[in-house]
Amino acid sequence: MEQEWRTTAEALTALEAVMSSIDHDARVRLSAPERLVLMKRARSFRDRAVSLACVLTDEASHSSVAATGTPITSLIGLEEGRDSGDAARQVFQARDLARHKAVKEAALAGKVSSRHAAAIGKGMAQLPSELTTEQQARAEQAFLDRANKNTPKRLAELAPQILAEVAPELVPTVDDEAARLEQQRRRAFSKRSLRWGDDGDGSTWLHGSLPHLEAAPLISLIEAYVESDRRAARDRFRATRATDPGPQVTRDQAAEDINRTPEQRRADALTQIISDHRDAPTSVGDRPRIVVTIREQDLRERAERAGVLARGARITAGDLRRLCCDADLMPVVLGGPSEILDVGRTQRLVTPAIRKALSLRDGGCVFPQCSAPDSACEAHHLQPWWAGGATALWNLVLLCPHHHQLVEPDRWSRPEDRWVIHIDPDTARVVVVPPARTNRFTARAGPPSSSAGTSPSDSAASAGLRRMAEPGAPPLIHSLA
C-alpha cells in the first residue's frame, strides 16, 4: 500500500482530532501489561512529536522577527507563559536537534528520541571545524549508532572517542588539551556570579554560575543532605504506616515527605545547610571531599594531566595539583583498562592536627603582602604530594587559593616565571622566593624592610613576621610585617 503523504498542517490537524477522540475511560478494563504497552507507544509518539516541534521551532526562528516583529524566544514565552530562560532552552534544544540532517531525520522518524538528537547536536559541536563533509557524516552516523545504548548526557560526552574514530589525525595532543582546559577554566571563572531578588510572590529567586571545581563541593554537600533527608523521610513514612493511621494520614505523610520533587529537596537541603551552619564549628581543617579519577601512571609520575570529577567534569592540571595538596581528596587510581587499583584514604592528606599546627605557625597565607587569614587558606605541599612529598609540617605551608594557583609548579611555565617556597632547615622560617623576572622588577622598589631579622618567636604580634626571608634575598622576600 502506497504511503499517503500529508502536509504538516494536515497531519497536525488529523493528530489533534485523533487525540481529542480518545476514550480515556475505556482504559479501566485494560490489564497491567496492556497499559505498559500503551505507555511505551505513547512515549515514543511523544518523542516524535517533540522532535517535530523542535524542527518547526528551529525553522520558525529564522523568520520570527520578520513575521511578528518579535524574536522566537520572546514569542514562545508570551504564547506559552514560559520565563525567558526556559524559552531560550527550548530554542537552543531545537537548534541542536535540527542542525544536522541525518540526526534530524532520525528524530522525525522516531529512531532516536528528541533528547538523544539534541545531545548528538551538542556532541557534534565539540568536534573540530576542520572535519571534512565525509568525516562529519561518519561522525553523525557514529553518534546515531550509539544513541540507543547511552543516555543523552553520556552520548554527548562520546565526542572525543568518535573523533578518534573518524579523524585520528585531529585528536588534540596532551598539551593542546591542557591549554583548552586552562582557557575553559578562565572563561568559567570570569562568568562566576550569584544574584537574587524578590519574585513578588513571597519567594526569593537565586541565580548563579560557578566553575566546575568550585561547584563540586557545594553540589556534593547538597546531595549528601538530600540523601540523608530522603532516608529520614522513608523511615518516617514506614513508622507512620506501621501504626495503621488510616489512608488519609498515610496519603498526607506521603505528600509531605515522599512526593517532594528533586528541586524541592535540594532547596530544603540548602536551607538546612544554612541552618546547621549557625552552630557549625568555625575552626579550619574540614575540607571538601572531591573524588578525582586519574590513571595510576599519571598520578605517580606527573600529576599534570587533567583530572575528572565524579560528575564527569574535567578539570585542569593546575586545579588537580591544588586538590592533591589540601582537598579531602579521594584518589580513584585506575590501571590500564580503567580497572580501579586503589581508592586512597583521606588520611594520606592533611590531618586536622597538622592543619591546626599550620594555622599556629603560619597564621595565614605566607605569600608576600597577602593578608588572607588561615581560615581562607589551603595547605600547600612544598615538595608536591604527587611527586612523593610527605604530608608533614616541614613540607607544608598555608596559601590562599589565589596564591596557591600561582605557586603550584607547572611544567609549561618558564623557570623564570615560577615562585618557589621552602622552609629554611636552620631557622625553620618560611622562605618565599620570587621569579627572576619579578625579582628584577621589584628590586627597584627600594631597600628591604628593617624588620627582616625579627624572630619567629615574636609571631603573636603579626602574622607577617612569620614570612621570613632567606639571608641575602632580594627585597620582595624580606619580612613583610
Foldseek 3Di string as FASTA:
>chain_A
DDDDDDDPVVVVVVVVVVVVPDDVVVCVPPDPVVVVVVVVVVVLVVQLVLLVVLQVLQVCQVCVCVVPVDGSLVVCCVVVVDDSVVSVVSNLLSCLLVVDDVSSVCSNVSVAGSLLSSLLSLLLVPDDPPDDPVLSVQLSVVLSVCRVVDDSVVSSVCSLVSCCVSPVVPRDDQVVVLVVQVVVQVVQCVQFDWDWDDPPPPDIDIDTGHPPVVVVLVVVQLVVLLVVQLVVLVVVLVVVVVVVPDDVVSVVSCVVRVPDDPVVSSVVSVVVVVVVVVPDDLDDFAAGEWEWEDEQCCLQPPLQGWIATPVGDIHHSLSVQLCQAFHLYFYQYAYDVRDGPDTDHSVQYAGSVLLVVQCVQQQAALAAPDPGGSSQWGKHFLCGVSHPGGRHNQRIHTHHPVVSSQAPDDPVDDQLQHKHWHQDPVQRAIEIAGRPVVLVVCLVVDDADPCQPDHSVVCVVDSQQRQHHDPPGGRRSGRRD
